[in-house]
Protein backbone atom coordinates (compact mmCIF):
# COMPACT_ATOMS: atom_id res chain seq x y z
CA MET A 1 0.00 0.00 0.00
CA LEU A 2 2.75 2.46 0.98
CA ARG A 3 5.08 1.70 -1.92
CA PRO A 4 2.52 2.47 -4.67
CA LEU A 5 1.71 5.73 -2.86
CA ALA A 6 5.42 6.50 -2.62
CA HIS A 7 5.73 5.95 -6.39
CA ILE A 8 2.84 8.34 -7.05
CA ILE A 9 4.35 11.03 -4.80
CA SER A 10 7.72 10.61 -6.52
CA ILE A 11 6.11 11.10 -9.93
CA VAL A 12 3.84 14.03 -8.98
CA PHE A 13 6.74 15.86 -7.35
CA HIS A 14 9.41 14.85 -9.84
CA PRO A 15 12.13 17.54 -9.88
CA LEU A 16 11.39 18.39 -13.52
CA PHE A 17 7.91 19.57 -12.55
CA VAL A 18 9.08 22.07 -9.93
CA VAL A 19 9.71 25.01 -12.30
CA PRO A 20 6.19 24.86 -13.83
CA TYR A 21 4.75 24.45 -10.32
CA ILE A 22 6.41 27.69 -9.18
CA LEU A 23 5.13 29.47 -12.30
CA GLY A 24 1.63 28.27 -11.50
CA ILE A 25 1.96 29.41 -7.88
CA LEU A 26 3.05 32.88 -9.00
CA PHE A 27 0.09 33.12 -11.36
CA LEU A 28 -2.14 32.06 -8.47
CA VAL A 29 -0.68 34.38 -5.81
CA ASN A 30 -0.33 37.49 -7.97
CA PRO A 31 -1.18 37.22 -11.67
CA TYR A 32 -0.56 40.96 -12.08
CA LEU A 33 3.16 40.38 -11.57
CA PHE A 34 3.19 39.37 -15.22
CA SER A 35 2.68 42.26 -17.64
CA ILE A 36 0.95 39.83 -19.98
CA GLN A 37 -2.74 39.56 -19.08
CA ASP A 38 -4.09 38.05 -22.29
CA PRO A 39 -5.15 34.42 -21.61
CA LYS A 40 -3.59 33.24 -24.88
CA ALA A 41 -0.28 34.90 -24.04
CA LYS A 42 -0.33 33.33 -20.57
CA GLY A 43 -1.05 29.97 -22.14
CA LEU A 44 1.89 30.35 -24.52
CA LEU A 45 4.16 31.22 -21.60
CA LEU A 46 3.04 28.15 -19.67
CA ILE A 47 3.54 25.95 -22.73
CA SER A 48 7.01 27.41 -23.40
CA VAL A 49 8.12 26.87 -19.81
CA PHE A 50 6.72 23.33 -19.81
CA LEU A 51 8.49 22.46 -23.07
CA LEU A 52 11.90 23.73 -21.95
CA SER A 53 11.78 22.53 -18.34
CA VAL A 54 9.88 19.25 -18.70
CA PHE A 55 9.19 17.96 -22.20
CA PHE A 56 12.57 18.45 -23.90
CA PRO A 57 14.61 17.16 -20.92
CA LEU A 58 12.34 14.09 -20.69
CA PHE A 59 12.58 13.58 -24.45
CA GLY A 60 16.39 13.76 -24.30
CA ILE A 61 16.50 11.31 -21.39
CA ALA A 62 14.18 8.95 -23.29
CA MET A 63 16.50 9.12 -26.31
CA LEU A 64 19.46 8.15 -24.12
CA ARG A 65 17.46 5.16 -22.92
CA LEU A 66 16.41 4.28 -26.47
CA VAL A 67 19.97 4.19 -27.83
CA GLY A 68 21.16 2.20 -24.83
CA LEU A 69 23.27 4.87 -23.12
CA ASN A 70 21.11 4.55 -20.01
CA LYS A 71 20.03 1.20 -18.59
CA SER A 72 16.89 2.50 -16.90
CA ILE A 73 14.76 5.61 -16.70
CA THR A 74 15.21 5.70 -12.89
CA MET A 75 18.98 6.39 -13.22
CA GLU A 76 19.97 4.41 -10.12
CA ASP A 77 23.70 4.51 -10.93
CA ARG A 78 25.66 7.75 -10.73
CA GLU A 79 27.13 7.14 -14.19
CA GLU A 80 23.64 7.04 -15.70
CA ARG A 81 22.88 10.51 -14.34
CA ILE A 82 25.63 12.30 -16.27
CA GLY A 83 23.83 12.55 -19.61
CA PRO A 84 20.38 13.44 -18.20
CA LEU A 85 21.84 16.13 -15.92
CA ILE A 86 23.74 17.71 -18.83
CA ILE A 87 20.63 17.67 -21.02
CA THR A 88 18.44 19.13 -18.26
CA GLY A 89 21.02 21.77 -17.39
CA ILE A 90 21.25 22.93 -21.01
CA PHE A 91 17.47 23.36 -21.34
CA TYR A 92 17.18 25.07 -17.94
CA LEU A 93 19.96 27.46 -18.94
CA TRP A 94 18.21 28.07 -22.26
CA LEU A 95 14.99 28.88 -20.40
CA PHE A 96 16.80 31.28 -18.05
CA VAL A 97 18.53 33.10 -20.91
CA ASN A 98 15.19 33.53 -22.69
CA ILE A 99 13.34 35.01 -19.70
CA LYS A 100 16.03 36.98 -17.83
CA SER A 101 15.63 40.13 -19.97
CA ASN A 102 11.92 39.72 -20.64
CA PRO A 103 10.04 42.59 -18.92
CA SER A 104 6.89 40.48 -18.88
CA ILE A 105 8.47 37.94 -16.52
CA PRO A 106 8.76 38.87 -12.81
CA ASP A 107 12.11 38.69 -11.03
CA ALA A 108 10.69 36.07 -8.67
CA PHE A 109 10.35 33.53 -11.49
CA VAL A 110 13.63 34.54 -13.16
CA ALA A 111 15.42 34.02 -9.84
CA PHE A 112 13.78 30.65 -9.25
CA THR A 113 14.68 29.47 -12.76
CA LEU A 114 18.29 30.51 -12.20
CA GLY A 115 18.24 28.67 -8.86
CA ALA A 116 16.91 25.53 -10.54
CA THR A 117 19.67 25.80 -13.16
CA ILE A 118 22.34 26.21 -10.48
CA GLY A 119 20.85 23.22 -8.65
CA VAL A 120 21.11 21.00 -11.74
CA PHE A 121 24.75 21.88 -12.38
CA ALA A 122 25.55 21.52 -8.66
CA ALA A 123 23.99 18.05 -8.78
CA PHE A 124 26.13 17.26 -11.83
CA PHE A 125 29.26 18.35 -9.94
CA MET A 126 28.37 16.43 -6.77
CA ASN A 127 27.48 13.36 -8.83
CA ASN A 128 31.20 12.92 -9.50
CA PHE A 129 31.76 12.24 -5.80
CA THR A 130 28.52 10.98 -4.31
CA LYS A 131 24.89 10.25 -5.11
CA VAL A 132 22.45 12.94 -3.97
CA SER A 133 18.68 12.87 -4.28
CA LEU A 134 17.45 14.89 -7.25
CA HIS A 135 13.95 14.78 -5.75
CA ALA A 136 15.31 16.38 -2.57
CA ILE A 137 17.01 19.08 -4.64
CA GLY A 138 13.68 19.77 -6.33
CA VAL A 139 11.55 20.01 -3.19
CA GLY A 140 14.31 21.85 -1.31
CA GLY A 141 14.28 24.44 -4.08
CA LEU A 142 10.47 24.50 -4.08
CA LEU A 143 10.33 25.17 -0.34
CA SER A 144 13.01 27.86 -0.32
CA GLY A 145 11.54 29.45 -3.46
CA ILE A 146 8.09 29.73 -1.86
CA LEU A 147 9.61 31.10 1.37
CA MET A 148 11.51 33.80 -0.49
CA ILE A 149 8.58 34.68 -2.73
CA CYS A 150 6.36 35.14 0.32
CA SER A 151 8.92 37.07 2.38
CA LEU A 152 10.79 39.18 -0.17
CA PHE A 153 7.73 40.15 -2.17
CA SER A 154 5.42 40.65 0.82
CA TYR A 155 2.60 38.37 -0.23
CA ASP A 156 0.50 37.82 2.87
CA SER A 157 -2.57 36.39 1.17
CA PHE A 158 -4.21 35.77 -2.17
CA PHE A 159 -7.67 35.05 -3.55
CA LEU A 160 -8.38 31.48 -4.61
CA ASN A 161 -11.22 31.28 -7.12
CA LEU A 162 -12.89 27.85 -7.12
CA GLY A 163 -15.60 28.73 -9.60
CA VAL A 164 -18.98 27.48 -8.44
CA PHE A 165 -17.53 26.79 -4.98
CA GLY A 166 -16.76 30.47 -4.47
CA GLU A 167 -13.72 32.65 -3.92
CA TYR A 168 -11.62 32.49 -0.76
CA LEU A 169 -8.88 34.58 0.81
CA VAL A 170 -5.94 32.27 1.53
CA ARG A 171 -2.88 33.17 3.57
CA THR A 172 0.44 32.46 1.87
CA ASP A 173 1.56 30.80 5.12
CA LEU A 174 -0.53 27.87 3.95
CA LEU A 175 1.70 27.51 0.87
CA VAL A 176 4.77 27.34 3.10
CA ILE A 177 3.15 24.69 5.30
CA LEU A 178 2.13 22.67 2.25
CA ALA A 179 5.66 22.92 0.84
CA ILE A 180 7.09 21.61 4.13
CA VAL A 181 4.60 18.72 4.09
CA VAL A 182 5.47 17.95 0.46
CA ALA A 183 9.20 17.97 1.27
CA GLY A 184 8.59 15.50 4.09
CA LEU A 185 6.41 13.26 1.93
CA VAL A 186 8.93 13.20 -0.92
CA GLY A 187 11.83 12.42 1.42
CA THR A 188 9.86 9.64 3.12
CA SER A 189 8.81 8.24 -0.26
CA ARG A 190 12.39 8.05 -1.51
CA LEU A 191 13.39 6.20 1.66
CA LEU A 192 10.46 3.78 1.38
CA LEU A 193 11.41 3.03 -2.23
CA LYS A 194 15.03 2.51 -1.12
CA ALA A 195 16.08 4.92 -3.84
CA HIS A 196 18.20 6.93 -1.39
CA ASN A 197 19.50 6.97 2.14
CA GLU A 198 19.20 9.86 4.60
CA GLN A 199 22.59 11.30 3.62
CA ASP A 200 21.51 11.50 -0.04
CA LEU A 201 18.33 13.33 0.98
CA TYR A 202 20.06 15.80 3.30
CA GLY A 203 22.63 16.56 0.61
CA GLY A 204 19.87 17.15 -1.93
CA PHE A 205 17.92 19.46 0.37
CA VAL A 206 21.03 21.53 1.07
CA ILE A 207 21.83 21.88 -2.64
CA GLY A 208 18.24 22.85 -3.48
CA ILE A 209 18.05 25.49 -0.74
CA LEU A 210 21.53 26.99 -1.32
CA SER A 211 20.96 27.16 -5.09
CA GLN A 212 17.84 29.27 -4.59
CA LEU A 213 19.55 31.51 -2.01
CA ILE A 214 22.39 32.19 -4.45
CA ALA A 215 20.00 32.89 -7.32
CA PHE A 216 17.78 35.27 -5.32
CA ASN A 217 20.87 37.19 -4.17
CA ILE A 218 21.98 37.55 -7.79
CA ILE A 219 18.63 38.55 -9.31
CA VAL A 220 16.70 40.34 -6.57
């Protein structure tokens, strides 16, 4: 029962999904941060971010598996992570370069994207010495990103529109609490699946948090 749930949590909070999640959170908390208000333009932005941060990295990783350069999609061995980390890092860097001078994109998202890029290359560097949890890097970055968005940009609350169920004022503290819960669930899931030990998780969390701190200090 627990292992299937752990697999689901690992998929839903896969590190490649973290950048689009943060974009969605920013749209939810303060959509007026983005100078683009046209629904079609917002849709194009979401699609562009998804393609560069999720689809193309996954496609590249799948190609490595197809040609036999990777034994499995789970990348259990450190050697198997080299190619996927390089591919992901290139697309993350491409995304950052494309949005860093775009006046329509808020600094909060630019900083988080830079932090995610730093995290990927830090993981690549550390992979030469030890195995760290990429999931922990992702949720560590997610948690620190949400904390800095809420604190540095003074978002105390936001309106959550649930359509027929009404509109509610939600405190951003709830997002921080949810991020902490998610980080705990992801870490526990990776342990249950025996994908990592505690040292791998702690190392990943540290990389994810420090990467975002560095990026926010550079951009903001």
